[in-house]
PDB file of N, CA and C in Angstrom:
ATOM      1  N   ARG A   1     -10.360  -9.929  13.992  1.00  0.00           N
ATOM      2  CA  ARG A   1     -10.210  -8.478  14.334  1.00  0.00           C
ATOM      3  C   ARG A   1      -8.783  -8.152  13.146  1.00  0.00           C
ATOM      4  N   ASP A   2      -8.753  -9.298  12.342  1.00  0.00           N
ATOM      5  CA  ASP A   2      -7.036  -8.749  11.761  1.00  0.00           C
ATOM      6  C   ASP A   2      -7.800  -7.838  10.082  1.00  0.00           C
ATOM      7  N   PRO A   3      -7.228  -6.608  10.468  1.00  0.00           N
ATOM      8  CA  PRO A   3      -7.656  -5.387   9.409  1.00  0.00           C
ATOM      9  C   PRO A   3      -7.272  -6.055   8.224  1.00  0.00           C
ATOM     10  N   ILE A   4      -6.359  -6.740   7.902  1.00  0.00           N
ATOM     11  CA  ILE A   4      -6.054  -7.044   6.356  1.00  0.00           C
ATOM     12  C   ILE A   4      -7.179  -8.155   6.180  1.00  0.00           C
ATOM     13  N   GLN A   5      -7.622  -9.010   6.822  1.00  0.00           N
ATOM     14  CA  GLN A   5      -8.541 -10.051   6.719  1.00  0.00           C
ATOM     15  C   GLN A   5     -10.078  -9.089   6.374  1.00  0.00           C
ATOM     16  N   LYS A   6     -10.413  -8.000   7.232  1.00  0.00           N
ATOM     17  CA  LYS A   6     -11.434  -7.329   6.910  1.00  0.00           C
ATOM     18  C   LYS A   6     -11.400  -6.788   5.669  1.00  0.00           C
ATOM     19  N   ALA A   7     -10.158  -6.399   5.125  1.00  0.00           N
ATOM     20  CA  ALA A   7     -10.128  -5.455   4.103  1.00  0.00           C
ATOM     21  C   ALA A   7     -10.521  -6.378   2.912  1.00  0.00           C
ATOM     22  N   ARG A   8      -9.757  -7.450   3.049  1.00  0.00           N
ATOM     23  CA  ARG A   8     -10.007  -8.439   1.728  1.00  0.00           C
ATOM     24  C   ARG A   8     -11.343  -8.820   1.946  1.00  0.00           C
ATOM     25  N   SER A   9     -12.034  -8.951   2.943  1.00  0.00           N
ATOM     26  CA  SER A   9     -13.413  -9.458   2.680  1.00  0.00           C
ATOM     27  C   SER A   9     -14.450  -8.270   1.928  1.00  0.00           C
ATOM     28  N   ARG A  10     -13.776  -7.012   2.526  1.00  0.00           N
ATOM     29  CA  ARG A  10     -14.498  -6.206   1.981  1.00  0.00           C
ATOM     30  C   ARG A  10     -14.177  -5.412   0.700  1.00  0.00           C
ATOM     31  N   PHE A  11     -13.235  -5.931   0.038  1.00  0.00           N
ATOM     32  CA  PHE A  11     -12.796  -5.659  -1.479  1.00  0.00           C
ATOM     33  C   PHE A  11     -13.351  -6.724  -2.250  1.00  0.00           C
ATOM     34  N   ILE A  12     -13.673  -7.977  -1.810  1.00  0.00           N
ATOM     35  CA  ILE A  12     -14.560  -9.208  -2.440  1.00  0.00           C
ATOM     36  C   ILE A  12     -15.867  -8.881  -2.101  1.00  0.00           C
ATOM     37  N   ALA A  13     -16.525  -8.079  -1.451  1.00  0.00           N
ATOM     38  CA  ALA A  13     -17.805  -7.738  -0.970  1.00  0.00           C
ATOM     39  C   ALA A  13     -17.868  -6.973  -2.011  1.00  0.00           C
ATOM     40  N   GLU A  14     -17.477  -5.781  -2.117  1.00  0.00           N
ATOM     41  CA  GLU A  14     -17.917  -4.395  -2.785  1.00  0.00           C
ATOM     42  C   GLU A  14     -17.341  -5.129  -4.475  1.00  0.00           C
ATOM     43  N   GLY A  15     -16.902  -6.422  -4.688  1.00  0.00           N
ATOM     44  CA  GLY A  15     -16.300  -6.344  -6.052  1.00  0.00           C
ATOM     45  C   GLY A  15     -15.038  -6.019  -6.862  1.00  0.00           C
ATOM     46  N   SER A  16     -14.777  -5.291  -5.901  1.00  0.00           N
ATOM     47  CA  SER A  16     -13.110  -4.589  -6.123  1.00  0.00           C
ATOM     48  C   SER A  16     -12.021  -5.373  -6.684  1.00  0.00           C
ATOM     49  N   PHE A  17     -12.152  -6.706  -6.214  1.00  0.00           N
ATOM     50  CA  PHE A  17     -11.229  -7.519  -6.513  1.00  0.00           C
ATOM     51  C   PHE A  17     -12.150  -9.366  -6.272  1.00  0.00           C
ATOM     52  N   THR A  18     -11.315 -10.048  -7.012  1.00  0.00           N
ATOM     53  CA  THR A  18     -11.811 -11.560  -6.859  1.00  0.00           C
ATOM     54  C   THR A  18     -10.903 -12.064  -5.780  1.00  0.00           C
ATOM     55  N   ALA A  19     -11.432 -13.026  -5.251  1.00  0.00           N
ATOM     56  CA  ALA A  19     -10.584 -14.035  -3.992  1.00  0.00           C
ATOM     57  C   ALA A  19      -9.016 -14.289  -4.835  1.00  0.00           C
ATOM     58  N   ALA A  20      -9.488 -14.810  -5.997  1.00  0.00           N
ATOM     59  CA  ALA A  20      -8.272 -15.094  -6.770  1.00  0.00           C
ATOM     60  C   ALA A  20      -7.280 -13.894  -7.106  1.00  0.00           C
ATOM     61  N   GLU A  21      -7.853 -12.997  -7.327  1.00  0.00           N
ATOM     62  CA  GLU A  21      -6.901 -11.909  -7.577  1.00  0.00           C
ATOM     63  C   GLU A  21      -6.244 -11.627  -6.194  1.00  0.00           C
ATOM     64  N   LEU A  22      -6.907 -11.517  -5.285  1.00  0.00           N
ATOM     65  CA  LEU A  22      -5.847 -11.457  -3.819  1.00  0.00           C
ATOM     66  C   LEU A  22      -5.239 -12.220  -3.614  1.00  0.00           C
ATOM     67  N   ASP A  23      -5.375 -13.666  -3.793  1.00  0.00           N
ATOM     68  CA  ASP A  23      -4.435 -14.692  -3.513  1.00  0.00           C
ATOM     69  C   ASP A  23      -3.119 -14.575  -4.500  1.00  0.00           C
ATOM     70  N   SER A  24      -3.545 -13.957  -5.862  1.00  0.00           N
ATOM     71  CA  SER A  24      -2.183 -13.949  -6.421  1.00  0.00           C
ATOM     72  C   SER A  24      -1.387 -12.853  -6.222  1.00  0.00           C
ATOM     73  N   LEU A  25      -1.850 -11.710  -5.480  1.00  0.00           N
ATOM     74  CA  LEU A  25      -1.187 -10.801  -4.796  1.00  0.00           C
ATOM     75  C   LEU A  25      -0.353 -11.332  -3.668  1.00  0.00           C
ATOM     76  N   ASP A  26      -1.097 -11.980  -2.841  1.00  0.00           N
ATOM     77  CA  ASP A  26      -0.356 -12.568  -1.657  1.00  0.00           C
ATOM     78  C   ASP A  26       0.762 -13.548  -2.120  1.00  0.00           C
ATOM     79  N   GLU A  27       0.481 -13.828  -3.152  1.00  0.00           N
ATOM     80  CA  GLU A  27       1.625 -14.978  -3.850  1.00  0.00           C
ATOM     81  C   GLU A  27       2.735 -13.992  -4.162  1.00  0.00           C
ATOM     82  N   ARG A  28       2.389 -13.052  -5.038  1.00  0.00           N
ATOM     83  CA  ARG A  28       3.481 -11.844  -5.295  1.00  0.00           C
ATOM     84  C   ARG A  28       4.380 -11.436  -4.094  1.00  0.00           C
ATOM     85  N   ALA A  29       3.302 -10.892  -2.989  1.00  0.00           N
ATOM     86  CA  ALA A  29       4.229 -10.486  -2.036  1.00  0.00           C
ATOM     87  C   ALA A  29       5.247 -11.475  -1.139  1.00  0.00           C
ATOM     88  N   ALA A  30       4.729 -12.603  -1.098  1.00  0.00           N
ATOM     89  CA  ALA A  30       5.364 -13.930  -0.224  1.00  0.00           C
ATOM     90  C   ALA A  30       6.417 -13.937  -1.018  1.00  0.00           C
ATOM     91  N   GLY A  31       6.608 -13.904  -2.628  1.00  0.00           N
ATOM     92  CA  GLY A  31       7.598 -14.413  -3.274  1.00  0.00           C
ATOM     93  C   GLY A  31       8.694 -12.881  -3.116  1.00  0.00           C
ATOM     94  N   ASP A  32       7.945 -11.770  -3.157  1.00  0.00           N
ATOM     95  CA  ASP A  32       8.842 -10.598  -3.278  1.00  0.00           C
ATOM     96  C   ASP A  32       9.831 -10.559  -2.112  1.00  0.00           C
ATOM     97  N   VAL A  33       9.126 -11.089  -0.866  1.00  0.00           N
ATOM     98  CA  VAL A  33       9.509 -11.350   0.676  1.00  0.00           C
ATOM     99  C   VAL A  33      10.845 -12.423   0.574  1.00  0.00           C
ATOM    100  N   ALA A  34      10.597 -13.263   0.003  1.00  0.00           N
ATOM    101  CA  ALA A  34      11.531 -14.451   0.217  1.00  0.00           C
ATOM    102  C   ALA A  34      12.963 -14.154  -0.623  1.00  0.00           C
ATOM    103  N   ARG A  35      12.525 -13.352  -1.849  1.00  0.00           N
ATOM    104  CA  ARG A  35      13.642 -13.318  -2.687  1.00  0.00           C
ATOM    105  C   ARG A  35      14.700 -11.875  -2.029  1.00  0.00           C
ATOM    106  N   ALA A  36      13.868 -10.790  -1.192  1.00  0.00           N
ATOM    107  CA  ALA A  36      14.439  -9.752  -0.205  1.00  0.00           C
ATOM    108  C   ALA A  36      15.347 -10.811   0.636  1.00  0.00           C
ATOM    109  N   VAL A  37      14.583 -11.501   1.359  1.00  0.00           N
ATOM    110  CA  VAL A  37      15.484 -12.435   2.492  1.00  0.00           C
ATOM    111  C   VAL A  37      16.589 -12.968   1.923  1.00  0.00           C
ATOM    112  N   GLU A  38      16.624 -13.770   0.917  1.00  0.00           N
ATOM    113  CA  GLU A  38      17.656 -14.381   0.284  1.00  0.00           C
ATOM    114  C   GLU A  38      18.631 -13.398  -0.133  1.00  0.00           C
ATOM    115  N   TYR A  39      18.300 -12.624  -0.888  1.00  0.00           N
ATOM    116  CA  TYR A  39      19.524 -11.659  -1.009  1.00  0.00           C
ATOM    117  C   TYR A  39      20.287 -11.245   0.304  1.00  0.00           C
ATOM    118  N   ALA A  40      19.523 -10.454   1.113  1.00  0.00           N
ATOM    119  CA  ALA A  40      19.829 -10.147   2.656  1.00  0.00           C
ATOM    120  C   ALA A  40      20.957 -11.320   2.895  1.00  0.00           C
ATOM    121  N   GLU A  41      20.523 -12.267   3.130  1.00  0.00           N
ATOM    122  CA  GLU A  41      21.082 -13.321   3.773  1.00  0.00           C
ATOM    123  C   GLU A  41      22.661 -13.837   2.670  1.00  0.00           C
ATOM    124  N   ALA A  42      22.287 -13.679   1.680  1.00  0.00           N
ATOM    125  CA  ALA A  42      23.532 -13.869   0.975  1.00  0.00           C
ATOM    126  C   ALA A  42      24.772 -12.948   0.585  1.00  0.00           C
ATOM    127  N   SER A  43      24.245 -11.340   1.054  1.00  0.00           N
ATOM    128  CA  SER A  43      25.294 -10.429   1.215  1.00  0.00           C
ATOM    129  C   SER A  43      26.111 -10.300   2.292  1.00  0.00           C
ATOM    130  N   PRO A  44      27.093  -9.481   1.915  1.00  0.00           N
ATOM    131  CA  PRO A  44      28.043  -9.933   2.821  1.00  0.00           C
ATOM    132  C   PRO A  44      27.809  -8.490   4.133  1.00  0.00           C
ATOM    133  N   GLU A  45      28.095  -8.979   5.159  1.00  0.00           N
ATOM    134  CA  GLU A  45      27.992  -7.929   6.390  1.00  0.00           C
ATOM    135  C   GLU A  45      28.305  -6.926   6.128  1.00  0.00           C
ATOM    136  N   PRO A  46      27.624  -5.697   6.536  1.00  0.00           N
ATOM    137  CA  PRO A  46      28.630  -4.162   6.244  1.00  0.00           C
ATOM    138  C   PRO A  46      29.231  -3.827   7.404  1.00  0.00           C
ATOM    139  N   ASP A  47      30.385  -3.028   6.422  1.00  0.00           N
ATOM    140  CA  ASP A  47      31.543  -2.678   7.568  1.00  0.00           C
ATOM    141  C   ASP A  47      30.824  -1.808   8.882  1.00  0.00           C
ATOM    142  N   VAL A  48      31.167  -2.364  10.024  1.00  0.00           N
ATOM    143  CA  VAL A  48      31.068  -1.761  11.324  1.00  0.00           C
ATOM    144  C   VAL A  48      30.970  -0.234  11.065  1.00  0.00           C
ATOM    145  N   SER A  49      32.251   0.401  10.317  1.00  0.00           N
ATOM    146  CA  SER A  49      32.489   1.939  10.215  1.00  0.00           C
ATOM    147  C   SER A  49      31.096   2.428   9.630  1.00  0.00           C
ATOM    148  N   GLU A  50      30.189   1.590   8.825  1.00  0.00           N
ATOM    149  CA  GLU A  50      29.092   2.288   8.131  1.00  0.00           C
ATOM    150  C   GLU A  50      27.968   2.237   8.888  1.00  0.00           C
ATOM    151  N   ALA A  51      28.013   1.700   9.958  1.00  0.00           N
ATOM    152  CA  ALA A  51      26.386   1.598  10.802  1.00  0.00           C
ATOM    153  C   ALA A  51      25.734   2.753  11.145  1.00  0.00           C
ATOM    154  N   LEU A  52      26.231   3.666  11.398  1.00  0.00           N
ATOM    155  CA  LEU A  52      25.754   5.047  11.464  1.00  0.00           C
ATOM    156  C   LEU A  52      25.388   5.759  10.354  1.00  0.00           C
ATOM    157  N   ARG A  53      25.945   5.125   9.166  1.00  0.00           N
ATOM    158  CA  ARG A  53      25.939   6.369   7.992  1.00  0.00           C
ATOM    159  C   ARG A  53      24.301   6.576   7.420  1.00  0.00           C
ATOM    160  N   ASP A  54      24.469   7.878   6.971  1.00  0.00           N
ATOM    161  CA  ASP A  54      22.876   8.240   6.578  1.00  0.00           C
ATOM    162  C   ASP A  54      21.864   7.896   7.566  1.00  0.00           C
ATOM    163  N   ILE A  55      22.361   7.937   8.764  1.00  0.00           N
ATOM    164  CA  ILE A  55      21.001   7.826  10.099  1.00  0.00           C
ATOM    165  C   ILE A  55      20.791   9.249  10.214  1.00  0.00           C
ATOM    166  N   PHE A  56      21.810  10.011  10.747  1.00  0.00           N
ATOM    167  CA  PHE A  56      21.449  11.201  11.278  1.00  0.00           C
ATOM    168  C   PHE A  56      21.738  12.386  10.179  1.00  0.00           C
ATOM    169  N   ALA A  57      21.168  13.391   9.960  1.00  0.00           N
ATOM    170  CA  ALA A  57      21.452  14.611   9.184  1.00  0.00           C
ATOM    171  C   ALA A  57      22.054  15.254   9.962  1.00  0.00           C
ATOM    172  N   GLU A  58      23.094  16.114   9.224  1.00  0.00           N
ATOM    173  CA  GLU A  58      23.722  17.358   9.877  1.00  0.00           C
ATOM    174  C   GLU A  58      22.982  18.510   9.830  1.00  0.00           C
ATOM    175  N   THR A  59      23.153  19.202  11.184  1.00  0.00           N
ATOM    176  CA  THR A  59      22.433  20.353  11.611  1.00  0.00           C
ATOM    177  C   THR A  59      22.968  21.430  11.199  1.00  0.00           C
ATOM    178  N   LYS A  60      22.684  22.837  11.014  1.00  0.00           N
ATOM    179  CA  LYS A  60      23.422  23.731  10.431  1.00  0.00           C
ATOM    180  C   LYS A  60      23.190  25.117  11.465  1.00  0.00           C
TER     181      LYS A  60
END
């Protein structure tokens, strides 16, 4: 009942994508996530005073 697996199967059955193309997309996405995690972990911790910055909109 995994919607991603169902979509994958449907795309392949319809001929929209090949399994190899979808595998390539999966690999790219995993690489993007790994790089984002690496960047986040290497970045300095934000200053506590910035914790709520740009979270709430000013009301008029």
